[in-house]
Amino acid sequence: MLLLPPVEVCVERVRIRSNHGFSDEPATRKMHAEFAQANVEPRHVVADADASPETIAARIVDGVAAGQFAHLRPTE
């Protein structure tokens, strides 16, 4: 599963986070771009920009219960 808020949300979170050593905005943008371009099935991406943490957590719990995030091995 990939949690992928919009890049500006990520940049803002890095900017306001305290007591950590990472504050590099260009690196934040580069990492976001790499995740956004990753070959991940859309059903495995959670990208609710305006949702609260509680709403996102509930979506993840519901998705797990429904098998949405399960990785199925190919049949042999």
C-alpha atoms as a PDB file:
ATOM      1  CA  MET A   1       0.000   0.000   0.000  1.00  0.00           C
ATOM      2  CA  LEU A   2       1.218   3.474  -0.835  1.00  0.00           C
ATOM      3  CA  LEU A   3       0.031   6.515   1.106  1.00  0.00           C
ATOM      4  CA  LEU A   4       0.491   9.379  -1.331  1.00  0.00           C
ATOM      5  CA  PRO A   5      -0.768  12.814  -0.360  1.00  0.00           C
ATOM      6  CA  PRO A   6      -0.168  15.642  -2.854  1.00  0.00           C
ATOM      7  CA  VAL A   7       3.399  16.888  -3.057  1.00  0.00           C
ATOM      8  CA  GLU A   8       2.516  20.237  -1.451  1.00  0.00           C
ATOM      9  CA  VAL A   9       1.063  18.420   1.562  1.00  0.00           C
ATOM     10  CA  CYS A  10       4.299  16.436   1.906  1.00  0.00           C
ATOM     11  CA  VAL A  11       6.430  19.570   1.615  1.00  0.00           C
ATOM     12  CA  GLU A  12       4.338  21.341   4.253  1.00  0.00           C
ATOM     13  CA  ARG A  13       4.516  18.387   6.624  1.00  0.00           C
ATOM     14  CA  VAL A  14       8.288  18.258   6.315  1.00  0.00           C
ATOM     15  CA  ARG A  15       8.468  22.028   6.846  1.00  0.00           C
ATOM     16  CA  ILE A  16       6.400  22.052  10.061  1.00  0.00           C
ATOM     17  CA  ARG A  17       7.634  18.783  11.598  1.00  0.00           C
ATOM     18  CA  SER A  18       9.820  19.370  14.637  1.00  0.00           C
ATOM     19  CA  ASN A  19      12.665  17.403  16.178  1.00  0.00           C
ATOM     20  CA  HIS A  20      13.865  15.626  13.072  1.00  0.00           C
ATOM     21  CA  GLY A  21      16.887  16.134  10.853  1.00  0.00           C
ATOM     22  CA  PHE A  22      15.210  16.090   7.458  1.00  0.00           C
ATOM     23  CA  SER A  23      14.147  19.434   6.006  1.00  0.00           C
ATOM     24  CA  ASP A  24      15.308  19.266   2.378  1.00  0.00           C
ATOM     25  CA  GLU A  25      12.450  20.491   0.172  1.00  0.00           C
ATOM     26  CA  PRO A  26      14.033  19.507  -3.171  1.00  0.00           C
ATOM     27  CA  ALA A  27      14.676  16.000  -1.815  1.00  0.00           C
ATOM     28  CA  THR A  28      11.085  15.818  -0.554  1.00  0.00           C
ATOM     29  CA  ARG A  29       9.795  16.744  -4.007  1.00  0.00           C
ATOM     30  CA  LYS A  30      12.122  14.231  -5.690  1.00  0.00           C
ATOM     31  CA  MET A  31      11.059  11.396  -3.383  1.00  0.00           C
ATOM     32  CA  HIS A  32       7.393  12.247  -3.927  1.00  0.00           C
ATOM     33  CA  ALA A  33       7.876  12.200  -7.706  1.00  0.00           C
ATOM     34  CA  GLU A  34       9.558   8.809  -7.503  1.00  0.00           C
ATOM     35  CA  PHE A  35       6.703   7.357  -5.445  1.00  0.00           C
ATOM     36  CA  ALA A  36       4.099   8.976  -7.725  1.00  0.00           C
ATOM     37  CA  GLN A  37       5.745   7.391 -10.783  1.00  0.00           C
ATOM     38  CA  ALA A  38       6.207   3.982  -9.167  1.00  0.00           C
ATOM     39  CA  ASN A  39       4.605   0.993 -10.820  1.00  0.00           C
ATOM     40  CA  VAL A  40       1.959   0.430  -8.128  1.00  0.00           C
ATOM     41  CA  GLU A  41      -1.517  -0.837  -8.909  1.00  0.00           C
ATOM     42  CA  PRO A  42      -4.022   1.985  -8.334  1.00  0.00           C
ATOM     43  CA  ARG A  43      -5.976  -0.183  -5.883  1.00  0.00           C
ATOM     44  CA  HIS A  44      -2.922  -0.095  -3.610  1.00  0.00           C
ATOM     45  CA  VAL A  45      -2.655   3.715  -3.559  1.00  0.00           C
ATOM     46  CA  VAL A  46      -4.354   5.843  -0.902  1.00  0.00           C
ATOM     47  CA  ALA A  47      -4.240   9.461  -2.042  1.00  0.00           C
ATOM     48  CA  ASP A  48      -7.011  11.268  -0.170  1.00  0.00           C
ATOM     49  CA  ALA A  49      -5.694  14.814  -0.066  1.00  0.00           C
ATOM     50  CA  ASP A  50      -8.244  16.387   2.241  1.00  0.00           C
ATOM     51  CA  ALA A  51      -9.148  13.406   4.402  1.00  0.00           C
ATOM     52  CA  SER A  52      -8.418  13.372   8.114  1.00  0.00           C
ATOM     53  CA  PRO A  53      -6.025  10.768   9.522  1.00  0.00           C
ATOM     54  CA  GLU A  54      -9.045   9.011  11.047  1.00  0.00           C
ATOM     55  CA  THR A  55     -10.792   8.819   7.664  1.00  0.00           C
ATOM     56  CA  ILE A  56      -7.674   7.477   5.964  1.00  0.00           C
ATOM     57  CA  ALA A  57      -7.154   4.921   8.742  1.00  0.00           C
ATOM     58  CA  ALA A  58     -10.765   3.767   8.390  1.00  0.00           C
ATOM     59  CA  ARG A  59     -10.342   3.476   4.604  1.00  0.00           C
ATOM     60  CA  ILE A  60      -7.239   1.346   5.119  1.00  0.00           C
ATOM     61  CA  VAL A  61      -8.957  -0.902   7.673  1.00  0.00           C
ATOM     62  CA  ASP A  62     -11.934  -1.330   5.338  1.00  0.00           C
ATOM     63  CA  GLY A  63      -9.646  -1.989   2.373  1.00  0.00           C
ATOM     64  CA  VAL A  64      -7.689  -4.630   4.252  1.00  0.00           C
ATOM     65  CA  ALA A  65     -10.915  -6.337   5.354  1.00  0.00           C
ATOM     66  CA  ALA A  66     -12.139  -6.321   1.745  1.00  0.00           C
ATOM     67  CA  GLY A  67      -8.858  -7.696   0.389  1.00  0.00           C
ATOM     68  CA  GLN A  68      -8.162  -4.510  -1.571  1.00  0.00           C
ATOM     69  CA  PHE A  69      -4.526  -4.366  -0.518  1.00  0.00           C
ATOM     70  CA  ALA A  70      -3.786  -8.089  -0.703  1.00  0.00           C
ATOM     71  CA  HIS A  71      -0.956  -9.172  -2.942  1.00  0.00           C
ATOM     72  CA  LEU A  72      -2.099 -12.198  -4.878  1.00  0.00           C
ATOM     73  CA  ARG A  73       0.501 -14.608  -6.149  1.00  0.00           C
ATOM     74  CA  PRO A  74       0.030 -15.736  -9.740  1.00  0.00           C
ATOM     75  CA  THR A  75      -1.394 -19.209 -10.127  1.00  0.00           C
ATOM     76  CA  GLU A  76       1.042 -21.796 -11.335  1.00  0.00           C
END
